[in-house]
C-alpha atoms as a PDB file:
ATOM      1  CA  MET A   1     -13.450   6.654   0.269  1.00  0.00           C
ATOM      2  CA  GLU A   2     -12.437   9.841   2.038  1.00  0.00           C
ATOM      3  CA  THR A   3     -15.204   9.398   4.605  1.00  0.00           C
ATOM      4  CA  MET A   4     -13.517   6.242   5.913  1.00  0.00           C
ATOM      5  CA  GLY A   5     -11.007   8.423   7.793  1.00  0.00           C
ATOM      6  CA  GLY A   6      -7.258   7.875   8.048  1.00  0.00           C
ATOM      7  CA  LEU A   7      -5.252   5.318   6.145  1.00  0.00           C
ATOM      8  CA  THR A   8      -7.082   2.158   5.186  1.00  0.00           C
ATOM      9  CA  ARG A   9      -6.530  -0.799   2.918  1.00  0.00           C
ATOM     10  CA  LEU A  10      -8.887   0.826   0.422  1.00  0.00           C
ATOM     11  CA  ASN A  11      -7.389   4.296   0.207  1.00  0.00           C
ATOM     12  CA  ILE A  12      -3.701   3.458   0.651  1.00  0.00           C
ATOM     13  CA  THR A  13      -3.792   1.711  -2.760  1.00  0.00           C
ATOM     14  CA  SER A  14      -5.965   4.324  -4.476  1.00  0.00           C
ATOM     15  CA  ASP A  15      -4.610   6.564  -7.233  1.00  0.00           C
ATOM     16  CA  ASP A  16      -7.242   9.168  -6.369  1.00  0.00           C
ATOM     17  CA  TYR A  17      -6.197   9.234  -2.707  1.00  0.00           C
ATOM     18  CA  HIS A  18      -2.528   9.704  -3.620  1.00  0.00           C
ATOM     19  CA  ARG A  19      -3.385  12.483  -6.097  1.00  0.00           C
ATOM     20  CA  ARG A  20      -5.014  14.380  -3.240  1.00  0.00           C
ATOM     21  CA  HIS A  21      -2.392  13.481  -0.605  1.00  0.00           C
ATOM     22  CA  LYS A  22       0.883  13.873  -2.452  1.00  0.00           C
ATOM     23  CA  ASN A  23       3.287  13.190   0.439  1.00  0.00           C
ATOM     24  CA  VAL A  24       1.727   9.973   1.731  1.00  0.00           C
ATOM     25  CA  ALA A  25       3.565   7.620  -0.646  1.00  0.00           C
ATOM     26  CA  LYS A  26       6.904   9.346  -0.061  1.00  0.00           C
ATOM     27  CA  ASN A  27       6.487   9.101   3.712  1.00  0.00           C
ATOM     28  CA  LEU A  28       5.252   5.507   3.751  1.00  0.00           C
ATOM     29  CA  PHE A  29       7.278   3.900   0.963  1.00  0.00           C
ATOM     30  CA  GLY A  30      10.276   6.232   0.594  1.00  0.00           C
ATOM     31  CA  PHE A  31      10.248   6.937  -3.130  1.00  0.00           C
ATOM     32  CA  GLU A  32      10.419  10.359  -4.739  1.00  0.00           C
ATOM     33  CA  ASP A  33      11.405  11.860  -8.072  1.00  0.00           C
ATOM     34  CA  ARG A  34      14.783  13.455  -7.375  1.00  0.00           C
ATOM     35  CA  THR A  35      15.487  14.479 -10.935  1.00  0.00           C
ATOM     36  CA  LYS A  36      15.728  18.200 -11.553  1.00  0.00           C
ATOM     37  CA  GLY A  37      12.221  19.395 -12.277  1.00  0.00           C
ATOM     38  CA  GLY A  38      10.913  15.850 -11.733  1.00  0.00           C
ATOM     39  CA  LYS A  39       7.231  15.471 -12.406  1.00  0.00           C
ATOM     40  CA  LEU A  40       6.615  11.889 -11.324  1.00  0.00           C
ATOM     41  CA  SER A  41       4.573  11.434  -8.171  1.00  0.00           C
ATOM     42  CA  SER A  42       5.937   9.333  -5.326  1.00  0.00           C
ATOM     43  CA  TRP A  43       2.959   7.010  -5.799  1.00  0.00           C
ATOM     44  CA  ASP A  44       3.701   6.523  -9.506  1.00  0.00           C
ATOM     45  CA  ILE A  45       7.330   5.745  -8.693  1.00  0.00           C
ATOM     46  CA  THR A  46       6.236   3.296  -5.982  1.00  0.00           C
ATOM     47  CA  LYS A  47       3.912   1.479  -8.395  1.00  0.00           C
ATOM     48  CA  GLN A  48       6.594   1.319 -11.093  1.00  0.00           C
ATOM     49  CA  PHE A  49       9.185   0.021  -8.605  1.00  0.00           C
ATOM     50  CA  ILE A  50       6.830  -2.800  -7.614  1.00  0.00           C
ATOM     51  CA  LYS A  51       6.169  -3.601 -11.274  1.00  0.00           C
ATOM     52  CA  ASP A  52       9.870  -3.590 -12.152  1.00  0.00           C
ATOM     53  CA  MET A  53      11.046  -5.597  -9.132  1.00  0.00           C
ATOM     54  CA  TRP A  54       8.281  -8.192  -8.753  1.00  0.00           C
ATOM     55  CA  ASP A  55       6.198  -7.901 -11.938  1.00  0.00           C
ATOM     56  CA  VAL A  56       3.160  -7.055  -9.821  1.00  0.00           C
ATOM     57  CA  ASN A  57       0.645  -4.600 -11.234  1.00  0.00           C
ATOM     58  CA  HIS A  58      -1.457  -2.090  -9.359  1.00  0.00           C
ATOM     59  CA  VAL A  59      -5.217  -2.535  -9.602  1.00  0.00           C
ATOM     60  CA  GLU A  60      -7.326   0.440  -8.540  1.00  0.00           C
ATOM     61  CA  PRO A  61      -9.178  -0.724  -5.415  1.00  0.00           C
ATOM     62  CA  THR A  62     -12.912  -0.930  -4.929  1.00  0.00           C
ATOM     63  CA  ILE A  63     -14.928  -2.385  -2.102  1.00  0.00           C
ATOM     64  CA  SER A  64     -15.303  -5.568  -4.179  1.00  0.00           C
ATOM     65  CA  THR A  65     -11.510  -6.002  -4.454  1.00  0.00           C
ATOM     66  CA  ILE A  66     -11.301  -6.022  -0.646  1.00  0.00           C
ATOM     67  CA  LEU A  67     -14.563  -7.629   0.518  1.00  0.00           C
ATOM     68  CA  ASP A  68     -16.465 -10.601  -0.846  1.00  0.00           C
ATOM     69  CA  ASP A  69     -20.244 -10.569  -1.393  1.00  0.00           C
ATOM     70  CA  SER A  70     -20.908 -11.496   2.224  1.00  0.00           C
ATOM     71  CA  GLY A  71     -18.655  -8.710   3.563  1.00  0.00           C
ATOM     72  CA  ARG A  72     -15.700 -10.897   4.553  1.00  0.00           C
ATOM     73  CA  LYS A  73     -12.219  -9.571   3.863  1.00  0.00           C
ATOM     74  CA  LYS A  74     -10.489 -11.058   0.848  1.00  0.00           C
ATOM     75  CA  PRO A  75      -6.837 -12.121   1.072  1.00  0.00           C
ATOM     76  CA  MET A  76      -4.236  -9.440   0.471  1.00  0.00           C
ATOM     77  CA  SER A  77      -3.168  -9.047  -3.140  1.00  0.00           C
ATOM     78  CA  LYS A  78       0.531  -9.374  -3.999  1.00  0.00           C
ATOM     79  CA  PHE A  79       0.574  -5.614  -4.587  1.00  0.00           C
ATOM     80  CA  GLU A  80      -0.781  -5.000  -1.080  1.00  0.00           C
ATOM     81  CA  GLN A  81       1.740  -7.448   0.368  1.00  0.00           C
ATOM     82  CA  VAL A  82       4.596  -5.557  -1.253  1.00  0.00           C
ATOM     83  CA  LEU A  83       3.268  -2.236   0.074  1.00  0.00           C
ATOM     84  CA  ILE A  84       3.023  -3.637   3.598  1.00  0.00           C
ATOM     85  CA  THR A  85       6.618  -4.807   3.420  1.00  0.00           C
ATOM     86  CA  LEU A  86       7.827  -1.509   1.945  1.00  0.00           C
ATOM     87  CA  MET A  87       6.081   0.350   4.776  1.00  0.00           C
ATOM     88  CA  TRP A  88       7.883  -1.822   7.284  1.00  0.00           C
ATOM     89  CA  PHE A  89      11.288  -1.460   5.597  1.00  0.00           C
ATOM     90  CA  GLN A  90      10.916   2.310   5.235  1.00  0.00           C
ATOM     91  CA  ASN A  91       9.554   3.121   8.695  1.00  0.00           C
ATOM     92  CA  LEU A  92      10.018   0.026  10.885  1.00  0.00           C
ATOM     93  CA  HIS A  93       6.396   0.258  12.062  1.00  0.00           C
ATOM     94  CA  ASP A  94       5.461  -2.552  14.399  1.00  0.00           C
ATOM     95  CA  HIS A  95       3.140  -5.263  13.140  1.00  0.00           C
ATOM     96  CA  SER A  96       0.201  -4.080  15.272  1.00  0.00           C
ATOM     97  CA  TYR A  97       0.331  -0.602  13.737  1.00  0.00           C
ATOM     98  CA  LEU A  98       0.500  -1.988  10.202  1.00  0.00           C
ATOM     99  CA  ALA A  99      -2.342  -4.388  10.976  1.00  0.00           C
ATOM    100  CA  SER A 100      -4.521  -1.490  12.135  1.00  0.00           C
ATOM    101  CA  ILE A 101      -4.012   0.329   8.825  1.00  0.00           C
ATOM    102  CA  TRP A 102      -4.529  -2.739   6.658  1.00  0.00           C
ATOM    103  CA  GLY A 103      -7.458  -4.113   8.671  1.00  0.00           C
ATOM    104  CA  CYS A 104      -5.934  -7.491   9.440  1.00  0.00           C
ATOM    105  CA  SER A 105      -4.218  -9.331  12.267  1.00  0.00           C
ATOM    106  CA  LYS A 106      -0.584  -8.772  13.126  1.00  0.00           C
ATOM    107  CA  ASP A 107      -0.047 -12.457  12.284  1.00  0.00           C
ATOM    108  CA  ILE A 108      -1.016 -11.725   8.682  1.00  0.00           C
ATOM    109  CA  ILE A 109       1.494  -8.869   8.649  1.00  0.00           C
ATOM    110  CA  GLY A 110       4.194 -11.280   9.892  1.00  0.00           C
ATOM    111  CA  THR A 111       3.263 -13.873   7.283  1.00  0.00           C
ATOM    112  CA  THR A 112       3.388 -11.174   4.611  1.00  0.00           C
ATOM    113  CA  MET A 113       6.935 -10.232   5.619  1.00  0.00           C
ATOM    114  CA  LYS A 114       8.045 -13.822   5.110  1.00  0.00           C
ATOM    115  CA  TRP A 115       7.187 -13.495   1.413  1.00  0.00           C
ATOM    116  CA  PHE A 116      10.420 -11.500   1.081  1.00  0.00           C
ATOM    117  CA  GLU A 117      12.693 -13.945   2.918  1.00  0.00           C
END
């Protein structure tokens, strides 16, 4: 996964990636453990927030969760849709930038945002 370079749909949802890059989730999604001596990672807090708010579970990504057998991109999972929206709320990235990370069109990003309206 690391050889893919930069943020991608595959690594941005990966527990392993967030273990190795501890500040990514805090910077992208805005969550951190502010308790004294807190030991929860920003990624773990992000996943729990999504579970608590929308009852959406994280599934560790693989190539087969993102691409079908013929190599076409599968639709975004609800978990991915929530992350996209959290990235936008936290950082106000434009749709083109988010689309480049998630490997989709900016129209899909816009449609994803409407899920929260």
